[in-house]
Structure formats: structure tokens, C-alpha cells
Amino acid sequence: MMRAMMLERPRAPLVLRERPTPAPQAGEILIAVTACGVCRTDLHVVDGELADPKLPLVPGHEIVGRVAAIGAGVAGFGIGQRVGVPWLGQTCGHCGYCRAEQENLCDTPLFTGYTRDGGYATHAIADANYCFPLPEQDDDAALAPLLCAGLIGWRSYRMAGQGSALGLYGFGAAAHILAQVAVWQDRRVHAFTRAGDAAAQAFARSLGAVWAGGSDEAPPEPLDAAIIFAPVGALVPLALKAVKKGGRVVCAGIHMSDIPDFPYALLWEERHLMSVANLTRADAREFLALAPQAGVVTQVTRYPLAAANAALADLRDGRLQGAAVLVP
């Protein structure tokens, strides 16, 4: 038997359930979960902001664990091997986007912890083609945030371009990882937090940010690019105002509150406003190889599996520095 924290209806607390441990089908592996990160996307699912989740659902898409069983036709994995499972759980492989190496835009994807069961559990089933071998160094909880905060953050970071002055709006799990990468690459990081959040601003400076202030403040220099991790549409015009001519603003979240009206002058002079959707397996391979080179160290707060609701509440209310991780 396995244990799982289940979402039985949106906007309701997760419920701890016991159920039979599933056997992997062809192309799948069964993973004994050792850690699962708690991502803001999980909040959007639990809070009913993302429509049509699989119900009942086991949330969680930053899964670290060990291969416990292997389905027919799976190659490249062994029993006991440490693996990671990200948000992108499966793609069709034949739509126009998949054929164009844009599988993040697949017409009929499955997403871990949203349209297929995820990792808030002692065990999880995953499509072996969308799992990644993980190194043996570091502990499981430290690796978990890399599987979404790191991967989506990395895709956003690459879309932001090569400029030197980078703004990060919302200094949570993704930003604290990407700040370390940017500093390693000799970029100047400007961290934007909730107004008056001195602890988050001090945390950002400790990771190498050259400036940290409230999201309503102007940075000390024009930005080449800004990445918005906070799901707050009102940050879009503020970020556009902060970037220089030709600068980029990247909206990194899967969900955001409505963007308010803003004057065309903020977009003019060839500023770019773009969004990031999901990730590709190429993103994962690239970032998982780069993170140890950059010396990325995640700051995590551990919770037992049964405390998943408390972890979500702490994330929702802004009480975390770094990332929350469930350790079954």
C-alpha cells in the first residue's frame, strides 16, 4: 500500500489516503518518492485557478525518488536509481509543435500533478521518457526544487536574453535558484519583493543581488530584462517601465492575475513582453547539467507528507525563503 495527499475537489484541503501501490505499465516506471517540492503551480491547482485537473488528484511535480519497478519496454533505468520527474509528464510526439521541437506547446500533453498523479505521495508512476537521472551528490530535498523552479526558471532566463542587468520580480523558489546562476555568469541581479519584506530582500542580497527592494520601487539602473515569477498582473507595467529600450519582460508563471491597462509608451521602443509555457526535455537536460557547474545551492524547508496543507499555506502566505519540500 502507498500513502498520498489527495485533492478531491478544488479549494478544499488535501486529504491523506491509503491506496494500492500501482504497477508500472509499458513505458512507465514506479518511483519510491523521497522528496517532492511544493510549487506555486500546485497552489494554482489546489486553489482552483487552473481548470479541469484530474480528480481525485495527487499534486506535486518536483519529484525526486528511486526506481522501484520498471514497466515493459523501458531502457536506461535500473532498480534503485535516483531519478527526477518534472511538470511535463507526456507529449503526443506527432503534433506540429512536437515535430518542430516545441514539445512544451504540445496540443495534447499530460502534466505531472495536474492531469496525471504526482509526487505528494510515497510512490508515483511516471512515463520513463519524461524522467531524468539525477546525480548521487546532494540530498533529495535539495534537488527537488530544481525539477520545476529550476527548469521553468531556466527557460525563462534564456528567453530574457543576454543582458547584464536582470530584474527578478518575486524572490521565491525559482528566483533564488536563477539569481545564483546569473551571479555566476557575472550578471547584475536586481531583486523585487513584496513591499517591506526586509527578510526576502536580505536573502536576495546574500545570494549576490546588487540591489533588492519592493516591487513598487524603481531599480537603480535601467534593466536589460525582467522575469516576473510572482503571479501578479500589476507587475507587468512596472517591469516594462523598469526595462530599457529593446528590453524584455518575461512572465514565467502558468497563471497570473489580470494585467491592468497600461499606456502604449511602456511597450514602445521595441520592448518585448512574452510568456513561458511549460518546458522541454532539452531544457531539463541542459539545466540539470549546468546547476552543479554554477554551484547552485537550494534553500529548502522540509515538511512531512501529512503536512502538505501547512506547506501550501506557508507558500500562499509568503512565509517561506527558498522552497518548501515534502519528505514522505
Protein backbone atom coordinates (compact mmCIF):
# COMPACT_ATOMS: atom_id res chain seq x y z
CA MET A 1 0.00 0.00 0.00
CA MET A 2 1.03 3.61 -0.60
CA ARG A 3 0.05 6.86 1.07
CA ALA A 4 -0.86 10.04 -0.81
CA MET A 5 -2.17 13.51 -0.11
CA MET A 6 -5.21 13.77 -2.40
CA LEU A 7 -7.05 16.74 -3.86
CA GLU A 8 -10.66 15.56 -4.01
CA ARG A 9 -12.18 18.89 -5.01
CA PRO A 10 -10.69 22.33 -5.77
CA ARG A 11 -10.37 24.84 -2.94
CA ALA A 12 -10.53 22.06 -0.34
CA PRO A 13 -7.70 20.82 1.89
CA LEU A 14 -5.76 17.80 0.72
CA VAL A 15 -6.69 14.53 2.42
CA LEU A 16 -4.26 11.74 3.38
CA ARG A 17 -5.38 8.45 1.81
CA GLU A 18 -4.06 4.90 1.59
CA ARG A 19 -4.44 3.03 -1.68
CA PRO A 20 -2.83 0.11 -3.51
CA THR A 21 0.61 0.81 -4.91
CA PRO A 22 0.23 0.82 -8.71
CA ALA A 23 2.27 -1.37 -11.03
CA PRO A 24 4.03 0.37 -13.93
CA GLN A 25 2.58 -0.26 -17.37
CA ALA A 26 4.59 -0.47 -20.57
CA GLY A 27 6.89 2.55 -20.87
CA GLU A 28 6.46 3.54 -17.21
CA ILE A 29 8.47 3.33 -14.02
CA LEU A 30 7.31 3.19 -10.40
CA ILE A 31 9.19 5.62 -8.19
CA ALA A 32 9.57 5.42 -4.41
CA VAL A 33 9.32 9.15 -3.66
CA THR A 34 11.99 10.54 -1.35
CA ALA A 35 11.18 14.24 -1.81
CA CYS A 36 8.67 16.39 -3.69
CA GLY A 37 8.89 20.14 -3.97
CA VAL A 38 5.87 22.33 -3.28
CA CYS A 39 5.49 24.69 -6.23
CA ARG A 40 3.30 27.74 -6.76
CA THR A 41 1.69 25.86 -9.64
CA ASP A 42 0.46 23.34 -7.05
CA LEU A 43 -1.27 26.24 -5.34
CA HIS A 44 -2.95 27.25 -8.59
CA VAL A 45 -4.23 23.68 -8.99
CA VAL A 46 -5.39 23.30 -5.37
CA ASP A 47 -6.95 26.77 -5.28
CA GLY A 48 -8.96 26.13 -8.46
CA GLU A 49 -7.13 28.70 -10.58
CA LEU A 50 -6.15 26.08 -13.18
CA ALA A 51 -9.17 24.48 -14.77
CA ASP A 52 -10.00 20.80 -15.21
CA PRO A 53 -7.45 18.95 -13.09
CA LYS A 54 -7.66 15.17 -12.90
CA LEU A 55 -9.80 14.43 -9.83
CA PRO A 56 -9.12 12.94 -7.42
CA LEU A 57 -5.54 14.08 -7.87
CA VAL A 58 -2.18 13.62 -6.21
CA PRO A 59 -0.47 17.02 -6.73
CA GLY A 60 3.24 17.59 -6.99
CA HIS A 61 5.63 17.83 -9.93
CA GLU A 62 9.10 18.29 -8.45
CA ILE A 63 9.65 14.62 -7.69
CA VAL A 64 12.89 13.00 -6.55
CA GLY A 65 12.98 9.30 -5.79
CA ARG A 66 14.33 5.84 -6.52
CA VAL A 67 13.19 3.48 -9.25
CA ALA A 68 11.15 0.75 -7.52
CA ALA A 69 9.76 -1.13 -10.53
CA ILE A 70 10.15 -0.94 -14.30
CA GLY A 71 7.48 -1.50 -16.94
CA ALA A 72 7.90 -3.37 -20.20
CA GLY A 73 9.96 -1.70 -22.90
CA VAL A 74 11.80 0.72 -20.60
CA ALA A 75 15.53 1.08 -21.17
CA GLY A 76 18.14 3.23 -19.47
CA PHE A 77 16.92 2.95 -15.86
CA GLY A 78 17.78 0.47 -13.12
CA ILE A 79 16.16 -0.51 -9.85
CA GLY A 80 17.32 1.80 -7.08
CA GLN A 81 18.48 4.53 -9.45
CA ARG A 82 17.86 8.11 -8.36
CA VAL A 83 15.56 9.95 -10.80
CA GLY A 84 13.65 13.19 -11.12
CA VAL A 85 10.20 13.86 -12.57
CA PRO A 86 9.18 17.36 -13.76
CA TRP A 87 5.94 19.13 -14.73
CA LEU A 88 5.92 17.88 -18.33
CA GLY A 89 4.68 14.32 -17.96
CA GLN A 90 3.96 13.27 -21.54
CA THR A 91 3.53 14.69 -25.05
CA CYS A 92 1.97 13.24 -28.19
CA GLY A 93 5.14 13.36 -30.30
CA HIS A 94 3.28 13.94 -33.58
CA CYS A 95 1.51 17.33 -33.48
CA GLY A 96 3.06 20.26 -35.30
CA TYR A 97 4.65 21.60 -32.13
CA CYS A 98 6.23 18.29 -31.17
CA ARG A 99 7.57 17.83 -34.70
CA ALA A 100 9.05 21.33 -34.54
CA GLU A 101 10.90 20.57 -31.27
CA GLN A 102 8.43 22.70 -29.30
CA GLU A 103 7.03 19.92 -27.15
CA ASN A 104 6.30 22.44 -24.39
CA LEU A 105 3.42 23.60 -26.64
CA CYS A 106 2.11 20.10 -27.46
CA ASP A 107 -1.59 20.03 -28.31
CA THR A 108 -2.36 17.02 -26.07
CA PRO A 109 0.15 16.96 -23.19
CA LEU A 110 -0.10 15.43 -19.74
CA PHE A 111 1.26 17.29 -16.73
CA THR A 112 2.56 15.73 -13.55
CA GLY A 113 0.45 16.63 -10.54
CA TYR A 114 -2.27 18.19 -12.69
CA THR A 115 -3.58 15.86 -15.40
CA ARG A 116 -1.75 12.80 -14.06
CA ASP A 117 -0.94 11.94 -10.46
CA GLY A 118 2.16 13.49 -8.98
CA GLY A 119 4.52 13.22 -6.05
CA TYR A 120 2.69 14.20 -2.85
CA ALA A 121 2.87 10.50 -2.05
CA THR A 122 5.15 7.67 -1.05
CA HIS A 123 5.08 6.32 -4.64
CA ALA A 124 4.44 7.74 -8.11
CA ILE A 125 4.09 6.36 -11.62
CA ALA A 126 5.83 8.27 -14.42
CA ASP A 127 6.42 7.91 -18.14
CA ALA A 128 10.06 6.83 -18.32
CA ASN A 129 10.67 9.05 -21.36
CA TYR A 130 10.00 12.12 -19.20
CA CYS A 131 12.17 11.15 -16.22
CA PHE A 132 15.77 12.22 -15.70
CA PRO A 133 18.69 10.51 -13.97
CA LEU A 134 19.94 12.56 -11.03
CA PRO A 135 23.42 12.61 -9.52
CA GLU A 136 24.07 10.99 -6.16
CA GLN A 137 25.53 14.10 -4.55
CA ASP A 138 23.23 16.44 -2.56
CA ASP A 139 20.25 15.24 -0.62
CA ASP A 140 16.87 14.53 -2.15
CA ALA A 141 15.12 17.60 -0.72
CA ALA A 142 17.82 19.92 -2.07
CA LEU A 143 17.39 18.52 -5.58
CA ALA A 144 13.58 18.67 -5.70
CA PRO A 145 13.19 22.42 -6.45
CA LEU A 146 15.43 22.08 -9.49
CA LEU A 147 12.69 19.99 -11.20
CA CYS A 148 10.37 22.97 -11.73
CA ALA A 149 11.55 26.15 -10.04
CA GLY A 150 14.89 25.49 -11.67
CA LEU A 151 13.67 24.20 -15.05
CA ILE A 152 10.94 26.77 -15.70
CA GLY A 153 13.21 29.43 -14.27
CA TRP A 154 15.97 28.38 -16.65
CA ARG A 155 13.67 28.51 -19.67
CA SER A 156 12.53 31.99 -18.58
CA TYR A 157 16.12 33.06 -18.01
CA ARG A 158 17.19 32.03 -21.51
CA MET A 159 14.20 33.85 -23.01
CA ALA A 160 15.26 37.00 -21.14
CA GLY A 161 18.36 37.28 -23.32
CA GLN A 162 21.99 38.06 -22.60
CA GLY A 163 21.76 41.48 -20.97
CA SER A 164 23.82 42.33 -17.89
CA ALA A 165 21.17 43.95 -15.67
CA LEU A 166 18.42 41.47 -14.75
CA GLY A 167 15.33 42.08 -12.59
CA LEU A 168 13.61 39.23 -10.74
CA TYR A 169 10.09 40.05 -9.55
CA GLY A 170 9.02 37.73 -6.73
CA PHE A 171 12.01 36.30 -4.88
CA GLY A 172 10.83 32.77 -4.16
CA ALA A 173 11.92 29.28 -5.14
CA ALA A 174 12.68 29.99 -8.81
CA ALA A 175 14.31 33.38 -8.29
CA HIS A 176 16.64 32.15 -5.56
CA ILE A 177 17.94 29.48 -7.95
CA LEU A 178 18.20 31.74 -11.01
CA ALA A 179 19.89 34.51 -9.03
CA GLN A 180 22.77 32.13 -8.32
CA VAL A 181 23.09 31.23 -12.00
CA ALA A 182 23.01 34.89 -13.04
CA VAL A 183 25.64 35.92 -10.47
CA TRP A 184 27.83 33.00 -11.61
CA GLN A 185 27.53 34.42 -15.14
CA ASP A 186 28.55 37.90 -13.89
CA ARG A 187 25.14 39.49 -14.34
CA ARG A 188 23.79 42.18 -12.02
CA VAL A 189 20.69 40.86 -10.26
CA HIS A 190 18.01 43.24 -9.00
CA ALA A 191 15.52 41.52 -6.71
CA PHE A 192 11.96 42.80 -6.31
CA THR A 193 9.94 41.55 -3.33
CA ARG A 194 6.72 42.40 -1.57
CA ALA A 195 6.92 45.94 -0.21
CA GLY A 196 8.62 45.99 3.16
CA ASP A 197 9.78 42.36 3.07
CA ALA A 198 13.18 43.01 4.61
CA ALA A 199 13.90 39.30 5.15
CA ALA A 200 13.39 38.43 1.47
CA GLN A 201 15.50 41.41 0.42
CA ALA A 202 18.32 40.38 2.76
CA PHE A 203 18.06 36.82 1.41
CA ALA A 204 18.41 38.11 -2.15
CA ARG A 205 21.47 40.19 -1.25
CA SER A 206 23.03 37.16 0.47
CA LEU A 207 22.82 35.33 -2.88
CA GLY A 208 24.63 38.13 -4.69
CA ALA A 209 21.89 40.56 -5.75
CA VAL A 210 23.36 44.04 -6.22
CA TRP A 211 20.05 45.62 -5.22
CA ALA A 212 16.87 44.47 -3.51
CA GLY A 213 13.70 46.44 -2.89
CA GLY A 214 9.94 46.45 -3.13
CA SER A 215 8.18 45.66 -6.39
CA ASP A 216 6.82 49.20 -6.40
CA GLU A 217 10.32 50.70 -6.36
CA ALA A 218 12.43 51.70 -9.35
CA PRO A 219 15.76 49.89 -9.69
CA PRO A 220 18.96 51.96 -9.53
CA GLU A 221 19.67 51.37 -13.23
CA PRO A 222 17.59 50.52 -16.32
CA LEU A 223 17.20 46.78 -16.72
CA ASP A 224 18.09 44.79 -19.80
CA ALA A 225 15.41 42.26 -18.88
CA ALA A 226 12.99 41.33 -16.13
CA ILE A 227 11.43 37.99 -15.21
CA ILE A 228 8.15 38.03 -13.31
CA PHE A 229 7.76 34.98 -11.07
CA ALA A 230 5.02 36.42 -8.84
CA PRO A 231 1.52 35.69 -10.24
CA VAL A 232 0.57 39.39 -10.11
CA GLY A 233 -0.52 41.04 -13.34
CA ALA A 234 0.02 44.52 -11.92
CA LEU A 235 3.77 43.87 -12.03
CA VAL A 236 3.79 43.81 -15.84
CA PRO A 237 3.57 47.58 -16.39
CA LEU A 238 6.04 48.16 -13.54
CA ALA A 239 8.53 45.79 -15.16
CA LEU A 240 8.03 47.37 -18.60
CA LYS A 241 8.76 50.74 -17.05
CA ALA A 242 11.93 49.37 -15.47
CA VAL A 243 13.47 47.86 -18.63
CA LYS A 244 15.42 49.92 -21.14
CA LYS A 245 14.62 50.34 -24.83
CA GLY A 246 14.66 46.95 -26.52
CA GLY A 247 14.41 45.23 -23.14
CA ARG A 248 12.43 42.09 -22.38
CA VAL A 249 9.81 41.26 -19.76
CA VAL A 250 9.18 37.53 -19.32
CA CYS A 251 6.10 36.28 -17.46
CA ALA A 252 7.24 32.97 -16.01
CA GLY A 253 4.11 31.64 -14.32
CA ILE A 254 1.39 29.35 -15.62
CA HIS A 255 -1.24 31.61 -14.04
CA MET A 256 -1.33 35.34 -13.38
CA SER A 257 -3.97 37.79 -12.25
CA ASP A 258 -5.28 40.14 -14.93
CA ILE A 259 -2.81 42.64 -16.37
CA PRO A 260 -4.15 46.17 -15.91
CA ASP A 261 -4.39 48.68 -18.73
CA PHE A 262 -1.12 50.49 -19.40
CA PRO A 263 -0.06 53.16 -21.89
CA TYR A 264 1.46 52.02 -25.14
CA ALA A 265 4.51 54.15 -24.32
CA LEU A 266 5.63 51.47 -21.85
CA LEU A 267 5.79 48.88 -24.64
CA TRP A 268 7.06 51.19 -27.36
CA GLU A 269 10.74 51.44 -28.32
CA GLU A 270 10.83 47.72 -29.08
CA ARG A 271 10.33 46.39 -25.60
CA HIS A 272 9.24 42.75 -25.61
CA LEU A 273 6.55 41.19 -23.43
CA MET A 274 6.41 37.37 -23.54
CA SER A 275 5.26 34.36 -21.57
CA VAL A 276 6.82 30.99 -20.82
CA ALA A 277 4.81 27.80 -21.26
CA ASN A 278 5.90 24.58 -19.60
CA LEU A 279 9.34 23.17 -20.51
CA THR A 280 11.03 20.76 -22.84
CA ARG A 281 13.16 17.74 -22.02
CA ALA A 282 16.06 19.59 -23.65
CA ASP A 283 15.61 22.38 -21.08
CA ALA A 284 15.84 19.77 -18.33
CA ARG A 285 18.98 18.11 -19.63
CA GLU A 286 20.67 21.48 -20.15
CA PHE A 287 19.82 22.92 -16.73
CA LEU A 288 20.46 19.78 -14.69
CA ALA A 289 23.96 19.68 -16.19
CA LEU A 290 24.55 23.40 -15.58
CA ALA A 291 23.27 23.70 -11.99
CA PRO A 292 26.22 21.90 -10.35
CA GLN A 293 28.68 23.86 -12.50
CA ALA A 294 27.12 27.09 -11.23
CA GLY A 295 27.27 25.84 -7.64
CA VAL A 296 23.52 26.22 -7.14
CA VAL A 297 22.52 25.56 -3.55
CA THR A 298 18.80 25.44 -2.82
CA GLN A 299 17.41 26.64 0.49
CA VAL A 300 14.56 24.35 1.50
CA THR A 301 12.11 23.94 4.35
CA ARG A 302 11.17 20.30 4.87
CA TYR A 303 7.68 19.08 5.77
CA PRO A 304 6.39 15.56 6.38
CA LEU A 305 3.95 14.27 3.78
CA ALA A 306 0.94 14.70 6.08
CA ALA A 307 1.81 18.41 6.48
CA ALA A 308 1.28 19.21 2.79
CA ASN A 309 -1.56 21.62 3.62
CA ALA A 310 0.71 23.53 6.00
CA ALA A 311 3.40 23.75 3.34
CA LEU A 312 0.90 25.10 0.80
CA ALA A 313 -0.39 27.62 3.34
CA ASP A 314 3.13 28.85 4.10
CA LEU A 315 3.79 29.28 0.38
CA ARG A 316 0.45 31.02 -0.18
CA ASP A 317 1.07 33.47 2.67
CA GLY A 318 4.68 34.26 1.79
CA ARG A 319 6.24 32.71 4.89
CA LEU A 320 9.00 30.83 3.03
CA GLN A 321 12.51 31.68 1.94
CA GLY A 322 13.57 29.42 -0.90
CA ALA A 323 11.40 26.35 -1.42
CA ALA A 324 9.12 24.01 0.55
CA VAL A 325 9.73 20.28 0.12
CA LEU A 326 7.65 17.30 1.29
CA VAL A 327 9.71 14.37 2.58
CA PRO A 328 7.46 11.29 2.75
